[in-house]
Amino acid sequence: MSAVNIEKRWSDRRIISTDVKIIFNGRSYYAKTRDVGLGGMFIDLNHVLIPRDTIIKVIMLGYRENERYTTFNTRVAFVTPQGYGLEFREFETNQVRQLQSILYESPHEIIRLA
């Protein structure tokens, strides 16, 4: 991989596949996460066209049998034929705690991309 293609991340990512609901332009779409970190996530969603820099809402659906859904505001950081790299925006304290629980209490493998 060339230096031009290396994505700069400020946090590690874990390979986590869980269902998410995407809300874009008043419509809902369903996808799966490929990886998640403190800075964002990658979602497999290749049948919907969402422009880069668009703000979208992501709802993580029932991760690890959580009773409550976790909702994040995200920005589309990059688009690939396989899906979207999303950057988390404007965290609230409870969202940070829920994200940390997903990441650090998870049995999933950590991948270092930072």
C-alpha atoms as a PDB file:
ATOM      1  CA  MET A   1       0.000   0.000   0.000  1.00  0.00           C
ATOM      2  CA  SER A   2       1.445   3.359  -0.937  1.00  0.00           C
ATOM      3  CA  ALA A   3       1.763   6.226   1.536  1.00  0.00           C
ATOM      4  CA  VAL A   4      -0.901   8.128  -0.408  1.00  0.00           C
ATOM      5  CA  ASN A   5      -3.516   5.444   0.372  1.00  0.00           C
ATOM      6  CA  ILE A   6      -2.830   5.183   4.104  1.00  0.00           C
ATOM      7  CA  GLU A   7      -5.683   6.594   6.098  1.00  0.00           C
ATOM      8  CA  LYS A   8      -4.648   8.569   9.191  1.00  0.00           C
ATOM      9  CA  ARG A   9      -6.547   7.585  12.329  1.00  0.00           C
ATOM     10  CA  TRP A  10      -6.101   8.817  15.865  1.00  0.00           C
ATOM     11  CA  SER A  11      -7.474   5.637  17.479  1.00  0.00           C
ATOM     12  CA  ASP A  12      -7.205   1.893  17.005  1.00  0.00           C
ATOM     13  CA  ARG A  13     -10.029   0.028  15.328  1.00  0.00           C
ATOM     14  CA  ARG A  14     -11.625  -3.268  16.259  1.00  0.00           C
ATOM     15  CA  ILE A  15     -13.103  -5.615  13.716  1.00  0.00           C
ATOM     16  CA  ILE A  16     -16.725  -5.507  14.820  1.00  0.00           C
ATOM     17  CA  SER A  17     -19.624  -6.588  12.642  1.00  0.00           C
ATOM     18  CA  THR A  18     -22.971  -5.433  13.955  1.00  0.00           C
ATOM     19  CA  ASP A  19     -26.198  -4.171  12.441  1.00  0.00           C
ATOM     20  CA  VAL A  20     -26.721  -0.438  12.068  1.00  0.00           C
ATOM     21  CA  LYS A  21     -29.534   1.737  10.808  1.00  0.00           C
ATOM     22  CA  ILE A  22     -28.469   4.738   8.726  1.00  0.00           C
ATOM     23  CA  ILE A  23     -30.702   7.793   8.457  1.00  0.00           C
ATOM     24  CA  PHE A  24     -29.979   9.920   5.395  1.00  0.00           C
ATOM     25  CA  ASN A  25     -32.311  12.423   3.703  1.00  0.00           C
ATOM     26  CA  GLY A  26     -35.243  11.279   5.851  1.00  0.00           C
ATOM     27  CA  ARG A  27     -34.892   7.635   4.755  1.00  0.00           C
ATOM     28  CA  SER A  28     -33.613   4.618   6.661  1.00  0.00           C
ATOM     29  CA  TYR A  29     -31.102   2.084   5.342  1.00  0.00           C
ATOM     30  CA  TYR A  30     -29.635  -0.970   7.039  1.00  0.00           C
ATOM     31  CA  ALA A  31     -25.980  -1.960   6.950  1.00  0.00           C
ATOM     32  CA  LYS A  32     -23.266  -3.720   8.943  1.00  0.00           C
ATOM     33  CA  THR A  33     -20.168  -2.273  10.514  1.00  0.00           C
ATOM     34  CA  ARG A  34     -16.841  -3.674   9.400  1.00  0.00           C
ATOM     35  CA  ASP A  35     -14.724  -1.969  12.053  1.00  0.00           C
ATOM     36  CA  VAL A  36     -15.232   0.561  14.839  1.00  0.00           C
ATOM     37  CA  GLY A  37     -12.882   2.899  16.733  1.00  0.00           C
ATOM     38  CA  LEU A  38     -13.167   5.941  18.967  1.00  0.00           C
ATOM     39  CA  GLY A  39     -12.920   8.189  15.912  1.00  0.00           C
ATOM     40  CA  GLY A  40     -15.403   6.465  13.650  1.00  0.00           C
ATOM     41  CA  MET A  41     -16.477   3.321  11.845  1.00  0.00           C
ATOM     42  CA  PHE A  42     -16.579   1.714   8.439  1.00  0.00           C
ATOM     43  CA  ILE A  43     -19.951   0.436   7.224  1.00  0.00           C
ATOM     44  CA  ASP A  44     -20.685  -1.975   4.397  1.00  0.00           C
ATOM     45  CA  LEU A  45     -23.287  -0.077   2.395  1.00  0.00           C
ATOM     46  CA  ASN A  46     -22.624  -0.140  -1.316  1.00  0.00           C
ATOM     47  CA  HIS A  47     -26.105   0.317  -2.760  1.00  0.00           C
ATOM     48  CA  VAL A  48     -26.805   3.850  -1.488  1.00  0.00           C
ATOM     49  CA  LEU A  49     -25.121   6.993  -2.793  1.00  0.00           C
ATOM     50  CA  ILE A  50     -24.196   9.343   0.038  1.00  0.00           C
ATOM     51  CA  PRO A  51     -21.821  12.205  -0.786  1.00  0.00           C
ATOM     52  CA  ARG A  52     -18.606  12.798   1.132  1.00  0.00           C
ATOM     53  CA  ASP A  53     -18.886  15.285   4.054  1.00  0.00           C
ATOM     54  CA  THR A  54     -22.604  14.548   4.493  1.00  0.00           C
ATOM     55  CA  ILE A  55     -23.802  14.389   8.110  1.00  0.00           C
ATOM     56  CA  ILE A  56     -25.805  11.216   8.795  1.00  0.00           C
ATOM     57  CA  LYS A  57     -27.239   9.519  11.866  1.00  0.00           C
ATOM     58  CA  VAL A  58     -26.117   5.974  12.692  1.00  0.00           C
ATOM     59  CA  ILE A  59     -28.011   3.791  15.153  1.00  0.00           C
ATOM     60  CA  MET A  60     -26.188   0.685  16.388  1.00  0.00           C
ATOM     61  CA  LEU A  61     -28.875  -1.960  16.733  1.00  0.00           C
ATOM     62  CA  GLY A  62     -28.678  -4.290  19.712  1.00  0.00           C
ATOM     63  CA  TYR A  63     -24.918  -4.728  19.898  1.00  0.00           C
ATOM     64  CA  ARG A  64     -24.039  -7.612  22.277  1.00  0.00           C
ATOM     65  CA  GLU A  65     -27.682  -7.835  23.308  1.00  0.00           C
ATOM     66  CA  ASN A  66     -27.744  -4.286  24.706  1.00  0.00           C
ATOM     67  CA  GLU A  67     -31.282  -3.273  25.531  1.00  0.00           C
ATOM     68  CA  ARG A  68     -30.677   0.322  24.423  1.00  0.00           C
ATOM     69  CA  TYR A  69     -29.729   1.423  20.955  1.00  0.00           C
ATOM     70  CA  THR A  70     -26.728   3.697  20.601  1.00  0.00           C
ATOM     71  CA  THR A  71     -27.117   6.661  18.231  1.00  0.00           C
ATOM     72  CA  PHE A  72     -24.247   8.668  16.755  1.00  0.00           C
ATOM     73  CA  ASN A  73     -24.060  11.680  14.483  1.00  0.00           C
ATOM     74  CA  THR A  74     -21.388  11.032  11.858  1.00  0.00           C
ATOM     75  CA  ARG A  75     -19.765  12.668   8.858  1.00  0.00           C
ATOM     76  CA  VAL A  76     -18.975  10.703   5.719  1.00  0.00           C
ATOM     77  CA  ALA A  77     -15.158  10.933   5.707  1.00  0.00           C
ATOM     78  CA  PHE A  78     -14.567   8.753   2.646  1.00  0.00           C
ATOM     79  CA  VAL A  79     -16.444   6.603   0.162  1.00  0.00           C
ATOM     80  CA  THR A  80     -15.257   3.332  -1.415  1.00  0.00           C
ATOM     81  CA  PRO A  81     -17.027   0.794  -3.639  1.00  0.00           C
ATOM     82  CA  GLN A  82     -17.404  -1.386  -0.510  1.00  0.00           C
ATOM     83  CA  GLY A  83     -18.913   1.211   1.797  1.00  0.00           C
ATOM     84  CA  TYR A  84     -18.371   4.337   3.859  1.00  0.00           C
ATOM     85  CA  GLY A  85     -15.832   5.568   6.367  1.00  0.00           C
ATOM     86  CA  LEU A  86     -17.724   7.569   8.969  1.00  0.00           C
ATOM     87  CA  GLU A  87     -16.282  10.025  11.491  1.00  0.00           C
ATOM     88  CA  PHE A  88     -18.093  10.499  14.808  1.00  0.00           C
ATOM     89  CA  ARG A  89     -19.308  14.050  15.488  1.00  0.00           C
ATOM     90  CA  GLU A  90     -20.407  15.847  18.683  1.00  0.00           C
ATOM     91  CA  PHE A  91     -20.252  13.136  21.342  1.00  0.00           C
ATOM     92  CA  GLU A  92     -22.351  13.257  24.457  1.00  0.00           C
ATOM     93  CA  THR A  93     -20.948  11.669  27.631  1.00  0.00           C
ATOM     94  CA  ASN A  94     -23.261   8.642  27.520  1.00  0.00           C
ATOM     95  CA  GLN A  95     -22.342   8.015  23.864  1.00  0.00           C
ATOM     96  CA  VAL A  96     -18.633   7.967  24.710  1.00  0.00           C
ATOM     97  CA  ARG A  97     -19.281   5.476  27.514  1.00  0.00           C
ATOM     98  CA  GLN A  98     -21.355   3.244  25.260  1.00  0.00           C
ATOM     99  CA  LEU A  99     -18.714   3.361  22.540  1.00  0.00           C
ATOM    100  CA  GLN A 100     -15.958   2.512  25.036  1.00  0.00           C
ATOM    101  CA  SER A 101     -18.052  -0.414  26.265  1.00  0.00           C
ATOM    102  CA  ILE A 102     -18.458  -1.680  22.699  1.00  0.00           C
ATOM    103  CA  LEU A 103     -14.746  -1.327  22.001  1.00  0.00           C
ATOM    104  CA  TYR A 104     -13.038  -2.398  25.189  1.00  0.00           C
ATOM    105  CA  GLU A 105     -15.453  -4.956  26.598  1.00  0.00           C
ATOM    106  CA  SER A 106     -15.617  -6.624  23.212  1.00  0.00           C
ATOM    107  CA  PRO A 107     -14.090 -10.005  22.406  1.00  0.00           C
ATOM    108  CA  HIS A 108     -13.275  -8.787  18.883  1.00  0.00           C
ATOM    109  CA  GLU A 109      -9.770  -8.488  17.495  1.00  0.00           C
ATOM    110  CA  ILE A 110      -8.045  -5.117  17.583  1.00  0.00           C
ATOM    111  CA  ILE A 111      -6.426  -3.940  14.385  1.00  0.00           C
ATOM    112  CA  ARG A 112      -3.886  -1.154  14.529  1.00  0.00           C
ATOM    113  CA  LEU A 113      -4.428   1.383  11.799  1.00  0.00           C
ATOM    114  CA  ALA A 114      -3.623   4.556  13.707  1.00  0.00           C
END
